[in-house]
C-alpha atoms as a PDB file:
ATOM      1  CA  UNK A   1       0.427  -0.277   0.007  1.00  0.00           C
ATOM      2  CA  UNK A   2       1.150   3.242  -0.827  1.00  0.00           C
ATOM      3  CA  UNK A   3       0.740   6.706   0.501  1.00  0.00           C
ATOM      4  CA  UNK A   4      -2.251   7.669  -0.425  1.00  0.00           C
ATOM      5  CA  UNK A   5      -3.632   4.148   1.130  1.00  0.00           C
ATOM      6  CA  UNK A   6      -6.931   5.193   3.287  1.00  0.00           C
ATOM      7  CA  UNK A   7      -8.377   2.782   6.367  1.00  0.00           C
ATOM      8  CA  UNK A   8     -11.753   2.922   8.032  1.00  0.00           C
ATOM      9  CA  UNK A   9     -12.198   2.758  11.642  1.00  0.00           C
ATOM     10  CA  UNK A  10     -15.138   2.321  12.955  1.00  0.00           C
ATOM     11  CA  UNK A  11     -17.238   1.178  16.640  1.00  0.00           C
ATOM     12  CA  UNK A  12     -19.943  -0.904  16.912  1.00  0.00           C
ATOM     13  CA  UNK A  13     -22.210  -2.486  19.521  1.00  0.00           C
ATOM     14  CA  UNK A  14     -22.271  -1.829  23.354  1.00  0.00           C
ATOM     15  CA  UNK A  15     -19.799   0.825  24.198  1.00  0.00           C
ATOM     16  CA  UNK A  16     -17.627   0.595  26.627  1.00  0.00           C
ATOM     17  CA  UNK A  17     -14.477   2.870  28.399  1.00  0.00           C
ATOM     18  CA  UNK A  18     -11.627   3.114  26.051  1.00  0.00           C
ATOM     19  CA  UNK A  19     -12.572   2.716  23.148  1.00  0.00           C
ATOM     20  CA  UNK A  20     -12.095   6.450  22.529  1.00  0.00           C
ATOM     21  CA  UNK A  21      -8.698   5.619  23.457  1.00  0.00           C
ATOM     22  CA  UNK A  22      -8.756   2.743  20.820  1.00  0.00           C
ATOM     23  CA  UNK A  23      -9.622   5.590  18.264  1.00  0.00           C
ATOM     24  CA  UNK A  24      -7.202   7.554  18.792  1.00  0.00           C
ATOM     25  CA  UNK A  25      -4.633   4.893  18.698  1.00  0.00           C
ATOM     26  CA  UNK A  26      -5.952   3.739  15.302  1.00  0.00           C
ATOM     27  CA  UNK A  27      -5.690   7.482  13.901  1.00  0.00           C
ATOM     28  CA  UNK A  28      -2.764   8.378  14.925  1.00  0.00           C
ATOM     29  CA  UNK A  29      -0.888   5.081  13.771  1.00  0.00           C
ATOM     30  CA  UNK A  30      -2.215   5.327  10.652  1.00  0.00           C
ATOM     31  CA  UNK A  31      -1.310   8.922   9.683  1.00  0.00           C
ATOM     32  CA  UNK A  32       2.048   8.286  11.273  1.00  0.00           C
ATOM     33  CA  UNK A  33       2.548   5.382   8.428  1.00  0.00           C
ATOM     34  CA  UNK A  34       1.000   8.202   5.624  1.00  0.00           C
ATOM     35  CA  UNK A  35      -2.237   7.056   5.391  1.00  0.00           C
ATOM     36  CA  UNK A  36      -5.542   8.675   5.494  1.00  0.00           C
ATOM     37  CA  UNK A  37      -8.221   8.101   7.837  1.00  0.00           C
ATOM     38  CA  UNK A  38     -12.020   7.715   7.314  1.00  0.00           C
ATOM     39  CA  UNK A  39     -14.044   7.584  11.188  1.00  0.00           C
ATOM     40  CA  UNK A  40     -16.966   5.591  10.622  1.00  0.00           C
ATOM     41  CA  UNK A  41     -20.140   7.112  11.903  1.00  0.00           C
ATOM     42  CA  UNK A  42     -22.482   4.812  13.766  1.00  0.00           C
ATOM     43  CA  UNK A  43     -20.832   1.618  13.396  1.00  0.00           C
ATOM     44  CA  UNK A  44     -22.421  -0.437  10.746  1.00  0.00           C
ATOM     45  CA  UNK A  45     -25.102   1.341  10.176  1.00  0.00           C
ATOM     46  CA  UNK A  46     -22.975   4.412   9.366  1.00  0.00           C
ATOM     47  CA  UNK A  47     -21.023   1.926   6.553  1.00  0.00           C
ATOM     48  CA  UNK A  48     -24.512   1.584   5.366  1.00  0.00           C
ATOM     49  CA  UNK A  49     -25.388   5.338   4.948  1.00  0.00           C
ATOM     50  CA  UNK A  50     -21.975   6.326   3.745  1.00  0.00           C
ATOM     51  CA  UNK A  51     -21.817   8.245   6.638  1.00  0.00           C
ATOM     52  CA  UNK A  52     -18.566   9.221   8.279  1.00  0.00           C
ATOM     53  CA  UNK A  53     -15.433  12.298   7.967  1.00  0.00           C
ATOM     54  CA  UNK A  54     -11.455  12.154   7.787  1.00  0.00           C
ATOM     55  CA  UNK A  55      -9.738  11.674  10.879  1.00  0.00           C
ATOM     56  CA  UNK A  56      -6.631  14.104  11.475  1.00  0.00           C
ATOM     57  CA  UNK A  57      -4.382  14.029  14.561  1.00  0.00           C
ATOM     58  CA  UNK A  58      -6.115  17.002  16.623  1.00  0.00           C
ATOM     59  CA  UNK A  59      -9.310  15.208  15.795  1.00  0.00           C
ATOM     60  CA  UNK A  60      -8.874  12.453  18.468  1.00  0.00           C
ATOM     61  CA  UNK A  61      -6.482  14.865  20.909  1.00  0.00           C
ATOM     62  CA  UNK A  62      -8.381  15.155  24.451  1.00  0.00           C
ATOM     63  CA  UNK A  63     -10.366  11.932  24.170  1.00  0.00           C
ATOM     64  CA  UNK A  64      -8.205  10.035  25.841  1.00  0.00           C
ATOM     65  CA  UNK A  65     -10.081  10.494  28.972  1.00  0.00           C
ATOM     66  CA  UNK A  66     -13.666   9.796  27.716  1.00  0.00           C
ATOM     67  CA  UNK A  67     -16.090   7.384  27.879  1.00  0.00           C
ATOM     68  CA  UNK A  68     -18.154   5.834  25.249  1.00  0.00           C
ATOM     69  CA  UNK A  69     -17.322   6.954  21.191  1.00  0.00           C
ATOM     70  CA  UNK A  70     -16.933  10.121  19.594  1.00  0.00           C
ATOM     71  CA  UNK A  71     -18.248   8.317  16.138  1.00  0.00           C
ATOM     72  CA  UNK A  72     -21.114   6.642  17.727  1.00  0.00           C
ATOM     73  CA  UNK A  73     -22.491   3.367  18.093  1.00  0.00           C
ATOM     74  CA  UNK A  74     -25.577   1.602  16.929  1.00  0.00           C
ATOM     75  CA  UNK A  75     -26.731  -2.067  16.369  1.00  0.00           C
ATOM     76  CA  UNK A  76     -28.148  -2.661  12.785  1.00  0.00           C
ATOM     77  CA  UNK A  77     -30.052  -5.279  11.855  1.00  0.00           C
ATOM     78  CA  UNK A  78     -30.114  -4.151   8.293  1.00  0.00           C
ATOM     79  CA  UNK A  79     -26.511  -4.664   7.751  1.00  0.00           C
ATOM     80  CA  UNK A  80     -27.578  -9.015   8.337  1.00  0.00           C
ATOM     81  CA  UNK A  81     -29.148  -8.181   4.809  1.00  0.00           C
ATOM     82  CA  UNK A  82     -26.654  -9.126   1.922  1.00  0.00           C
ATOM     83  CA  UNK A  83     -28.248  -6.637  -0.464  1.00  0.00           C
ATOM     84  CA  UNK A  84     -27.503  -3.502   2.487  1.00  0.00           C
ATOM     85  CA  UNK A  85     -24.341  -4.672   2.552  1.00  0.00           C
ATOM     86  CA  UNK A  86     -23.078  -4.139  -1.425  1.00  0.00           C
ATOM     87  CA  UNK A  87     -24.003  -0.830  -0.560  1.00  0.00           C
ATOM     88  CA  UNK A  88     -21.977  -0.080   2.341  1.00  0.00           C
ATOM     89  CA  UNK A  89     -18.826  -1.694   0.424  1.00  0.00           C
ATOM     90  CA  UNK A  90     -20.192   0.743  -2.097  1.00  0.00           C
ATOM     91  CA  UNK A  91     -19.373   3.615   0.702  1.00  0.00           C
ATOM     92  CA  UNK A  92     -16.271   2.244   0.837  1.00  0.00           C
ATOM     93  CA  UNK A  93     -14.961   1.321  -2.539  1.00  0.00           C
ATOM     94  CA  UNK A  94     -15.950   5.654  -3.352  1.00  0.00           C
ATOM     95  CA  UNK A  95     -13.350   6.652  -0.689  1.00  0.00           C
ATOM     96  CA  UNK A  96     -10.617   4.236  -1.428  1.00  0.00           C
ATOM     97  CA  UNK A  97     -10.575   1.873   1.784  1.00  0.00           C
ATOM     98  CA  UNK A  98      -7.971  -0.724   1.827  1.00  0.00           C
ATOM     99  CA  UNK A  99      -8.379  -1.758   5.293  1.00  0.00           C
ATOM    100  CA  UNK A 100     -11.128  -1.460   7.559  1.00  0.00           C
ATOM    101  CA  UNK A 101     -10.552  -1.549  11.847  1.00  0.00           C
ATOM    102  CA  UNK A 102     -14.087  -3.159  13.749  1.00  0.00           C
ATOM    103  CA  UNK A 103     -14.148  -1.807  17.654  1.00  0.00           C
ATOM    104  CA  UNK A 104     -16.281  -4.141  19.728  1.00  0.00           C
ATOM    105  CA  UNK A 105     -17.468  -6.987  20.653  1.00  0.00           C
ATOM    106  CA  UNK A 106     -18.847 -10.190  19.469  1.00  0.00           C
ATOM    107  CA  UNK A 107     -21.570  -9.129  17.293  1.00  0.00           C
ATOM    108  CA  UNK A 108     -18.928  -6.810  15.767  1.00  0.00           C
ATOM    109  CA  UNK A 109     -16.697  -9.099  15.587  1.00  0.00           C
ATOM    110  CA  UNK A 110     -18.732 -11.449  13.552  1.00  0.00           C
ATOM    111  CA  UNK A 111     -19.808  -8.880  11.389  1.00  0.00           C
ATOM    112  CA  UNK A 112     -16.479  -8.043  10.163  1.00  0.00           C
ATOM    113  CA  UNK A 113     -15.778 -11.433   9.259  1.00  0.00           C
ATOM    114  CA  UNK A 114     -18.670 -11.136   6.859  1.00  0.00           C
ATOM    115  CA  UNK A 115     -16.960  -8.103   5.951  1.00  0.00           C
ATOM    116  CA  UNK A 116     -13.926 -10.435   5.032  1.00  0.00           C
ATOM    117  CA  UNK A 117     -15.121 -12.785   3.731  1.00  0.00           C
ATOM    118  CA  UNK A 118     -17.137 -10.892   1.263  1.00  0.00           C
ATOM    119  CA  UNK A 119     -14.479  -8.558  -0.027  1.00  0.00           C
ATOM    120  CA  UNK A 120     -10.787  -7.623  -0.368  1.00  0.00           C
ATOM    121  CA  UNK A 121     -10.783  -4.922   2.147  1.00  0.00           C
ATOM    122  CA  UNK A 122      -8.222  -5.895   4.899  1.00  0.00           C
ATOM    123  CA  UNK A 123     -10.129  -6.152   8.032  1.00  0.00           C
ATOM    124  CA  UNK A 124      -9.359  -6.427  11.497  1.00  0.00           C
ATOM    125  CA  UNK A 125     -11.662  -6.577  14.790  1.00  0.00           C
ATOM    126  CA  UNK A 126     -10.233  -5.024  18.006  1.00  0.00           C
ATOM    127  CA  UNK A 127     -11.633  -6.118  21.213  1.00  0.00           C
ATOM    128  CA  UNK A 128     -14.215  -4.109  22.785  1.00  0.00           C
ATOM    129  CA  UNK A 129     -16.543  -5.195  25.275  1.00  0.00           C
ATOM    130  CA  UNK A 130     -17.341  -4.666  29.428  1.00  0.00           C
ATOM    131  CA  UNK A 131     -18.699  -8.527  29.597  1.00  0.00           C
ATOM    132  CA  UNK A 132     -15.279  -9.678  28.733  1.00  0.00           C
ATOM    133  CA  UNK A 133     -16.338 -12.557  26.398  1.00  0.00           C
ATOM    134  CA  UNK A 134     -14.261 -12.703  23.473  1.00  0.00           C
ATOM    135  CA  UNK A 135     -12.689 -15.199  22.170  1.00  0.00           C
ATOM    136  CA  UNK A 136      -8.485 -14.888  21.313  1.00  0.00           C
ATOM    137  CA  UNK A 137      -7.464 -12.329  24.548  1.00  0.00           C
ATOM    138  CA  UNK A 138      -6.846 -12.509  28.070  1.00  0.00           C
ATOM    139  CA  UNK A 139      -8.966  -8.870  28.290  1.00  0.00           C
ATOM    140  CA  UNK A 140     -10.976  -6.756  26.445  1.00  0.00           C
ATOM    141  CA  UNK A 141     -11.122  -3.099  25.859  1.00  0.00           C
ATOM    142  CA  UNK A 142     -13.652  -1.619  28.757  1.00  0.00           C
ATOM    143  CA  UNK A 143     -13.896  -4.327  30.851  1.00  0.00           C
ATOM    144  CA  UNK A 144     -11.901  -3.619  33.309  1.00  0.00           C
ATOM    145  CA  UNK A 145     -13.196   0.441  33.687  1.00  0.00           C
ATOM    146  CA  UNK A 146     -16.731  -1.859  33.990  1.00  0.00           C
ATOM    147  CA  UNK A 147     -15.445  -3.622  37.431  1.00  0.00           C
ATOM    148  CA  UNK A 148     -14.124  -0.717  39.116  1.00  0.00           C
ATOM    149  CA  UNK A 149     -17.055   1.085  38.675  1.00  0.00           C
ATOM    150  CA  UNK A 150     -19.236  -1.898  40.003  1.00  0.00           C
ATOM    151  CA  UNK A 151     -16.427  -2.248  42.664  1.00  0.00           C
ATOM    152  CA  UNK A 152     -17.013   1.000  43.769  1.00  0.00           C
ATOM    153  CA  UNK A 153     -20.353   0.761  44.027  1.00  0.00           C
ATOM    154  CA  UNK A 154     -20.235  -2.198  46.035  1.00  0.00           C
ATOM    155  CA  UNK A 155     -18.171  -0.541  48.372  1.00  0.00           C
ATOM    156  CA  UNK A 156     -20.093   2.330  49.011  1.00  0.00           C
ATOM    157  CA  UNK A 157     -22.910  -0.754  49.502  1.00  0.00           C
ATOM    158  CA  UNK A 158     -20.542  -2.635  52.141  1.00  0.00           C
ATOM    159  CA  UNK A 159     -20.989   0.603  54.603  1.00  0.00           C
ATOM    160  CA  UNK A 160     -24.557   1.303  54.507  1.00  0.00           C
ATOM    161  CA  UNK A 161     -25.268  -2.953  54.988  1.00  0.00           C
ATOM    162  CA  UNK A 162     -22.691  -3.261  57.994  1.00  0.00           C
ATOM    163  CA  UNK A 163     -24.933   0.115  59.528  1.00  0.00           C
ATOM    164  CA  UNK A 164     -28.517  -1.572  58.930  1.00  0.00           C
ATOM    165  CA  UNK A 165     -27.313  -5.616  59.183  1.00  0.00           C
ATOM    166  CA  UNK A 166     -28.642  -5.998  55.701  1.00  0.00           C
ATOM    167  CA  UNK A 167     -27.945  -8.296  52.974  1.00  0.00           C
ATOM    168  CA  UNK A 168     -26.821  -6.752  49.384  1.00  0.00           C
ATOM    169  CA  UNK A 169     -27.867  -8.200  46.104  1.00  0.00           C
ATOM    170  CA  UNK A 170     -26.023  -6.583  43.532  1.00  0.00           C
ATOM    171  CA  UNK A 171     -27.345  -6.661  39.591  1.00  0.00           C
ATOM    172  CA  UNK A 172     -23.644  -5.889  37.428  1.00  0.00           C
ATOM    173  CA  UNK A 173     -23.757  -6.655  33.220  1.00  0.00           C
ATOM    174  CA  UNK A 174     -23.336  -9.680  31.926  1.00  0.00           C
ATOM    175  CA  UNK A 175     -26.229 -11.354  29.847  1.00  0.00           C
ATOM    176  CA  UNK A 176     -24.430 -14.637  28.566  1.00  0.00           C
ATOM    177  CA  UNK A 177     -21.110 -13.659  30.749  1.00  0.00           C
ATOM    178  CA  UNK A 178     -20.332 -13.237  34.440  1.00  0.00           C
ATOM    179  CA  UNK A 179     -16.979 -11.899  34.064  1.00  0.00           C
ATOM    180  CA  UNK A 180     -17.705  -8.946  35.518  1.00  0.00           C
ATOM    181  CA  UNK A 181     -19.647 -10.373  38.494  1.00  0.00           C
ATOM    182  CA  UNK A 182     -16.942 -12.560  39.239  1.00  0.00           C
ATOM    183  CA  UNK A 183     -14.085 -10.009  39.572  1.00  0.00           C
ATOM    184  CA  UNK A 184     -16.430  -7.608  41.146  1.00  0.00           C
ATOM    185  CA  UNK A 185     -17.147 -10.215  43.894  1.00  0.00           C
ATOM    186  CA  UNK A 186     -13.617 -11.423  44.495  1.00  0.00           C
ATOM    187  CA  UNK A 187     -12.301  -7.596  44.584  1.00  0.00           C
ATOM    188  CA  UNK A 188     -14.752  -6.385  46.715  1.00  0.00           C
ATOM    189  CA  UNK A 189     -15.392  -8.587  49.404  1.00  0.00           C
ATOM    190  CA  UNK A 190     -18.168 -10.016  48.528  1.00  0.00           C
ATOM    191  CA  UNK A 191     -20.107 -13.804  50.367  1.00  0.00           C
ATOM    192  CA  UNK A 192     -21.052 -14.884  46.868  1.00  0.00           C
ATOM    193  CA  UNK A 193     -21.278 -14.755  42.989  1.00  0.00           C
ATOM    194  CA  UNK A 194     -24.282 -15.844  41.137  1.00  0.00           C
ATOM    195  CA  UNK A 195     -23.259 -16.317  37.005  1.00  0.00           C
ATOM    196  CA  UNK A 196     -24.573 -17.820  34.240  1.00  0.00           C
ATOM    197  CA  UNK A 197     -20.922 -20.438  33.836  1.00  0.00           C
ATOM    198  CA  UNK A 198     -22.126 -21.885  37.202  1.00  0.00           C
ATOM    199  CA  UNK A 199     -25.862 -23.027  37.060  1.00  0.00           C
ATOM    200  CA  UNK A 200     -26.270 -24.219  40.701  1.00  0.00           C
ATOM    201  CA  UNK A 201     -24.620 -20.873  42.010  1.00  0.00           C
ATOM    202  CA  UNK A 202     -28.705 -19.794  40.982  1.00  0.00           C
ATOM    203  CA  UNK A 203     -29.976 -22.317  43.166  1.00  0.00           C
ATOM    204  CA  UNK A 204     -30.412 -19.643  46.203  1.00  0.00           C
ATOM    205  CA  UNK A 205     -32.146 -22.293  48.578  1.00  0.00           C
ATOM    206  CA  UNK A 206     -28.354 -23.452  49.601  1.00  0.00           C
ATOM    207  CA  UNK A 207     -27.227 -19.683  49.116  1.00  0.00           C
ATOM    208  CA  UNK A 208     -29.201 -18.565  51.868  1.00  0.00           C
ATOM    209  CA  UNK A 209     -28.478 -21.509  54.001  1.00  0.00           C
ATOM    210  CA  UNK A 210     -24.628 -20.112  53.166  1.00  0.00           C
ATOM    211  CA  UNK A 211     -25.449 -17.011  54.090  1.00  0.00           C
ATOM    212  CA  UNK A 212     -26.919 -17.886  56.920  1.00  0.00           C
ATOM    213  CA  UNK A 213     -24.244 -19.771  58.147  1.00  0.00           C
ATOM    214  CA  UNK A 214     -21.462 -17.731  57.866  1.00  0.00           C
ATOM    215  CA  UNK A 215     -23.620 -14.994  59.120  1.00  0.00           C
ATOM    216  CA  UNK A 216     -23.817 -16.772  62.535  1.00  0.00           C
ATOM    217  CA  UNK A 217     -20.350 -18.027  62.645  1.00  0.00           C
ATOM    218  CA  UNK A 218     -18.068 -14.958  61.573  1.00  0.00           C
ATOM    219  CA  UNK A 219     -20.262 -13.005  63.273  1.00  0.00           C
ATOM    220  CA  UNK A 220     -21.074 -10.408  60.625  1.00  0.00           C
ATOM    221  CA  UNK A 221     -23.574  -7.941  59.983  1.00  0.00           C
ATOM    222  CA  UNK A 222     -24.311  -7.966  57.052  1.00  0.00           C
ATOM    223  CA  UNK A 223     -23.556  -9.848  53.199  1.00  0.00           C
ATOM    224  CA  UNK A 224     -23.080  -8.935  49.731  1.00  0.00           C
ATOM    225  CA  UNK A 225     -23.899 -11.053  46.860  1.00  0.00           C
ATOM    226  CA  UNK A 226     -22.881 -10.097  43.284  1.00  0.00           C
ATOM    227  CA  UNK A 227     -25.357 -11.154  40.488  1.00  0.00           C
ATOM    228  CA  UNK A 228     -25.055 -11.089  36.922  1.00  0.00           C
ATOM    229  CA  UNK A 229     -27.902 -10.078  34.846  1.00  0.00           C
ATOM    230  CA  UNK A 230     -28.302 -13.481  32.887  1.00  0.00           C
ATOM    231  CA  UNK A 231     -27.632 -15.399  35.979  1.00  0.00           C
ATOM    232  CA  UNK A 232     -30.775 -13.956  37.871  1.00  0.00           C
ATOM    233  CA  UNK A 233     -33.279 -10.464  38.992  1.00  0.00           C
ATOM    234  CA  UNK A 234     -31.402  -8.804  41.935  1.00  0.00           C
ATOM    235  CA  UNK A 235     -35.493  -7.474  43.177  1.00  0.00           C
ATOM    236  CA  UNK A 236     -36.393 -11.332  42.722  1.00  0.00           C
ATOM    237  CA  UNK A 237     -33.473 -13.386  44.350  1.00  0.00           C
ATOM    238  CA  UNK A 238     -33.751 -10.375  47.226  1.00  0.00           C
ATOM    239  CA  UNK A 239     -37.311 -11.080  48.035  1.00  0.00           C
ATOM    240  CA  UNK A 240     -36.666 -15.105  48.109  1.00  0.00           C
ATOM    241  CA  UNK A 241     -33.037 -14.656  49.938  1.00  0.00           C
ATOM    242  CA  UNK A 242     -34.899 -12.430  52.873  1.00  0.00           C
ATOM    243  CA  UNK A 243     -38.264 -15.111  52.912  1.00  0.00           C
ATOM    244  CA  UNK A 244     -35.743 -17.995  53.969  1.00  0.00           C
ATOM    245  CA  UNK A 245     -33.173 -16.160  56.359  1.00  0.00           C
ATOM    246  CA  UNK A 246     -35.403 -13.659  57.563  1.00  0.00           C
ATOM    247  CA  UNK A 247     -32.859 -11.311  57.314  1.00  0.00           C
ATOM    248  CA  UNK A 248     -33.915  -8.006  55.688  1.00  0.00           C
ATOM    249  CA  UNK A 249     -32.460  -7.983  51.872  1.00  0.00           C
ATOM    250  CA  UNK A 250     -31.767  -5.543  49.545  1.00  0.00           C
ATOM    251  CA  UNK A 251     -31.437  -5.039  45.583  1.00  0.00           C
ATOM    252  CA  UNK A 252     -29.560  -2.857  43.616  1.00  0.00           C
ATOM    253  CA  UNK A 253     -29.229  -2.798  40.127  1.00  0.00           C
ATOM    254  CA  UNK A 254     -26.201  -0.735  38.345  1.00  0.00           C
ATOM    255  CA  UNK A 255     -27.425  -0.585  35.026  1.00  0.00           C
ATOM    256  CA  UNK A 256     -25.677   1.068  32.263  1.00  0.00           C
ATOM    257  CA  UNK A 257     -24.014   2.477  34.888  1.00  0.00           C
ATOM    258  CA  UNK A 258     -21.163   0.210  34.257  1.00  0.00           C
ATOM    259  CA  UNK A 259     -20.758   1.731  30.328  1.00  0.00           C
ATOM    260  CA  UNK A 260     -20.041   5.237  31.059  1.00  0.00           C
ATOM    261  CA  UNK A 261     -16.960   6.910  32.814  1.00  0.00           C
ATOM    262  CA  UNK A 262     -13.510   7.527  32.549  1.00  0.00           C
ATOM    263  CA  UNK A 263     -11.501   4.262  31.478  1.00  0.00           C
ATOM    264  CA  UNK A 264      -8.677   3.351  33.568  1.00  0.00           C
ATOM    265  CA  UNK A 265      -4.811   4.018  33.035  1.00  0.00           C
ATOM    266  CA  UNK A 266      -4.774  -0.396  32.107  1.00  0.00           C
ATOM    267  CA  UNK A 267      -7.935   0.030  29.393  1.00  0.00           C
ATOM    268  CA  UNK A 268      -5.894   3.439  27.968  1.00  0.00           C
ATOM    269  CA  UNK A 269      -3.203   1.563  27.835  1.00  0.00           C
ATOM    270  CA  UNK A 270      -4.582  -1.685  25.889  1.00  0.00           C
ATOM    271  CA  UNK A 271      -6.242   0.172  23.929  1.00  0.00           C
ATOM    272  CA  UNK A 272      -3.358   2.134  23.058  1.00  0.00           C
ATOM    273  CA  UNK A 273      -1.368  -1.012  21.931  1.00  0.00           C
ATOM    274  CA  UNK A 274      -4.663  -3.301  20.329  1.00  0.00           C
ATOM    275  CA  UNK A 275      -4.969  -0.001  18.311  1.00  0.00           C
ATOM    276  CA  UNK A 276      -1.988   0.268  16.755  1.00  0.00           C
ATOM    277  CA  UNK A 277      -1.782  -3.706  16.606  1.00  0.00           C
ATOM    278  CA  UNK A 278      -4.605  -3.529  14.511  1.00  0.00           C
ATOM    279  CA  UNK A 279      -3.118  -0.858  11.633  1.00  0.00           C
ATOM    280  CA  UNK A 280       0.350  -3.028  11.868  1.00  0.00           C
ATOM    281  CA  UNK A 281      -1.886  -5.457  10.949  1.00  0.00           C
ATOM    282  CA  UNK A 282      -3.467  -4.202   7.684  1.00  0.00           C
ATOM    283  CA  UNK A 283       0.145  -2.762   7.161  1.00  0.00           C
ATOM    284  CA  UNK A 284       1.354  -5.942   6.582  1.00  0.00           C
ATOM    285  CA  UNK A 285      -1.651  -7.322   4.166  1.00  0.00           C
ATOM    286  CA  UNK A 286      -3.240  -9.105   7.074  1.00  0.00           C
ATOM    287  CA  UNK A 287      -7.429  -9.427   6.975  1.00  0.00           C
ATOM    288  CA  UNK A 288      -9.538 -11.291   8.720  1.00  0.00           C
ATOM    289  CA  UNK A 289      -7.978 -11.024  12.441  1.00  0.00           C
ATOM    290  CA  UNK A 290      -7.804 -10.741  15.593  1.00  0.00           C
ATOM    291  CA  UNK A 291      -5.823  -8.691  17.524  1.00  0.00           C
ATOM    292  CA  UNK A 292      -5.702  -9.379  21.495  1.00  0.00           C
ATOM    293  CA  UNK A 293      -3.380  -9.402  24.237  1.00  0.00           C
ATOM    294  CA  UNK A 294      -2.596 -13.039  25.798  1.00  0.00           C
ATOM    295  CA  UNK A 295      -0.268 -13.481  28.029  1.00  0.00           C
ATOM    296  CA  UNK A 296       0.813  -9.288  27.911  1.00  0.00           C
ATOM    297  CA  UNK A 297       2.111 -10.042  23.711  1.00  0.00           C
ATOM    298  CA  UNK A 298       0.023  -9.420  20.850  1.00  0.00           C
ATOM    299  CA  UNK A 299      -1.644 -12.415  19.538  1.00  0.00           C
ATOM    300  CA  UNK A 300      -3.600 -12.595  16.373  1.00  0.00           C
ATOM    301  CA  UNK A 301      -6.052 -14.644  16.343  1.00  0.00           C
ATOM    302  CA  UNK A 302      -8.642 -15.604  12.707  1.00  0.00           C
ATOM    303  CA  UNK A 303     -12.288 -14.534  13.252  1.00  0.00           C
ATOM    304  CA  UNK A 304     -13.644 -17.471  12.470  1.00  0.00           C
ATOM    305  CA  UNK A 305     -12.416 -18.972  15.656  1.00  0.00           C
ATOM    306  CA  UNK A 306     -13.883 -15.935  17.441  1.00  0.00           C
ATOM    307  CA  UNK A 307     -16.808 -16.980  16.174  1.00  0.00           C
ATOM    308  CA  UNK A 308     -17.084 -20.233  16.568  1.00  0.00           C
ATOM    309  CA  UNK A 309     -15.761 -20.530  20.515  1.00  0.00           C
ATOM    310  CA  UNK A 310     -15.967 -18.635  23.981  1.00  0.00           C
ATOM    311  CA  UNK A 311     -14.323 -16.560  26.794  1.00  0.00           C
ATOM    312  CA  UNK A 312     -13.351 -19.384  28.465  1.00  0.00           C
ATOM    313  CA  UNK A 313     -14.778 -18.422  32.344  1.00  0.00           C
ATOM    314  CA  UNK A 314     -12.290 -18.221  35.463  1.00  0.00           C
ATOM    315  CA  UNK A 315     -13.208 -21.506  37.551  1.00  0.00           C
ATOM    316  CA  UNK A 316     -10.773 -21.358  39.627  1.00  0.00           C
ATOM    317  CA  UNK A 317     -10.668 -17.626  40.765  1.00  0.00           C
ATOM    318  CA  UNK A 318     -14.768 -18.612  40.961  1.00  0.00           C
ATOM    319  CA  UNK A 319     -13.459 -21.549  43.631  1.00  0.00           C
ATOM    320  CA  UNK A 320     -11.504 -19.443  45.413  1.00  0.00           C
ATOM    321  CA  UNK A 321     -14.360 -17.090  46.173  1.00  0.00           C
ATOM    322  CA  UNK A 322     -16.006 -19.655  47.902  1.00  0.00           C
ATOM    323  CA  UNK A 323     -13.201 -19.997  50.000  1.00  0.00           C
ATOM    324  CA  UNK A 324     -12.161 -16.516  50.521  1.00  0.00           C
ATOM    325  CA  UNK A 325     -16.012 -15.716  51.626  1.00  0.00           C
ATOM    326  CA  UNK A 326     -15.873 -18.202  55.025  1.00  0.00           C
END
């Protein structure tokens, strides 16, 4: 590719803290090798409609500490239709785009794989999801920030729980992934975590018995249980646990609070490294891959593998939580 080569970058799906830092890295890395950069607006929907703008270095200044995404994001069911995708590819061809960097979660990665198969573009995915459920990387951009946001709330709730001798059920995000719930529970000293990967964790009668036993034995004044939204709803769990234990129980749903806020230093640096790696991969003629970080080293994983494999849940950490909650 010559000096006039062009690369496009988009963010897709749910936003996660650190996406802006990745846009910044992609843009400045591409500009440093003489490429033009096209920032696609509103994810795949913007790709369909030809929306976006050229990005210069100054356009990505002052965004490294901002949550969300300056490019915007959306979920685009229209992109699943072949005819619509052909229209999107025509927009890219008009701008002489030769490479595409897709920053997003599993659905975004699947879309990137489709684009790679149907075009001659070098398409590279960058994992960005607070759920940390993407195969091919130890951590995805936004996960650490979401955990720390939730942990801050749990630390505050612990003080209230102690004061009122209550059990708190805290619901965090994670429809099919218990990664946030597990990390928050472990770091927050919670008594239990209810996660989709461990079905028996949602059995409330043994959970209530364990909570009652531990509270009496340790003379604790309160208990915290972290629940992933895909494993149960906090309100229902709180009512059932209160009925089973006779202890006042409260539910707190953190919701989209976890998506926003300032990205942590870890997520900013992860975004910088993966954005750089994505551009270098495209420049090297690579495509249909995900750039991830495994054991602190950049790894390239075929997008097809990413779409068919699951990110492994850390069962060792889950067992550790049970030991430390005694």
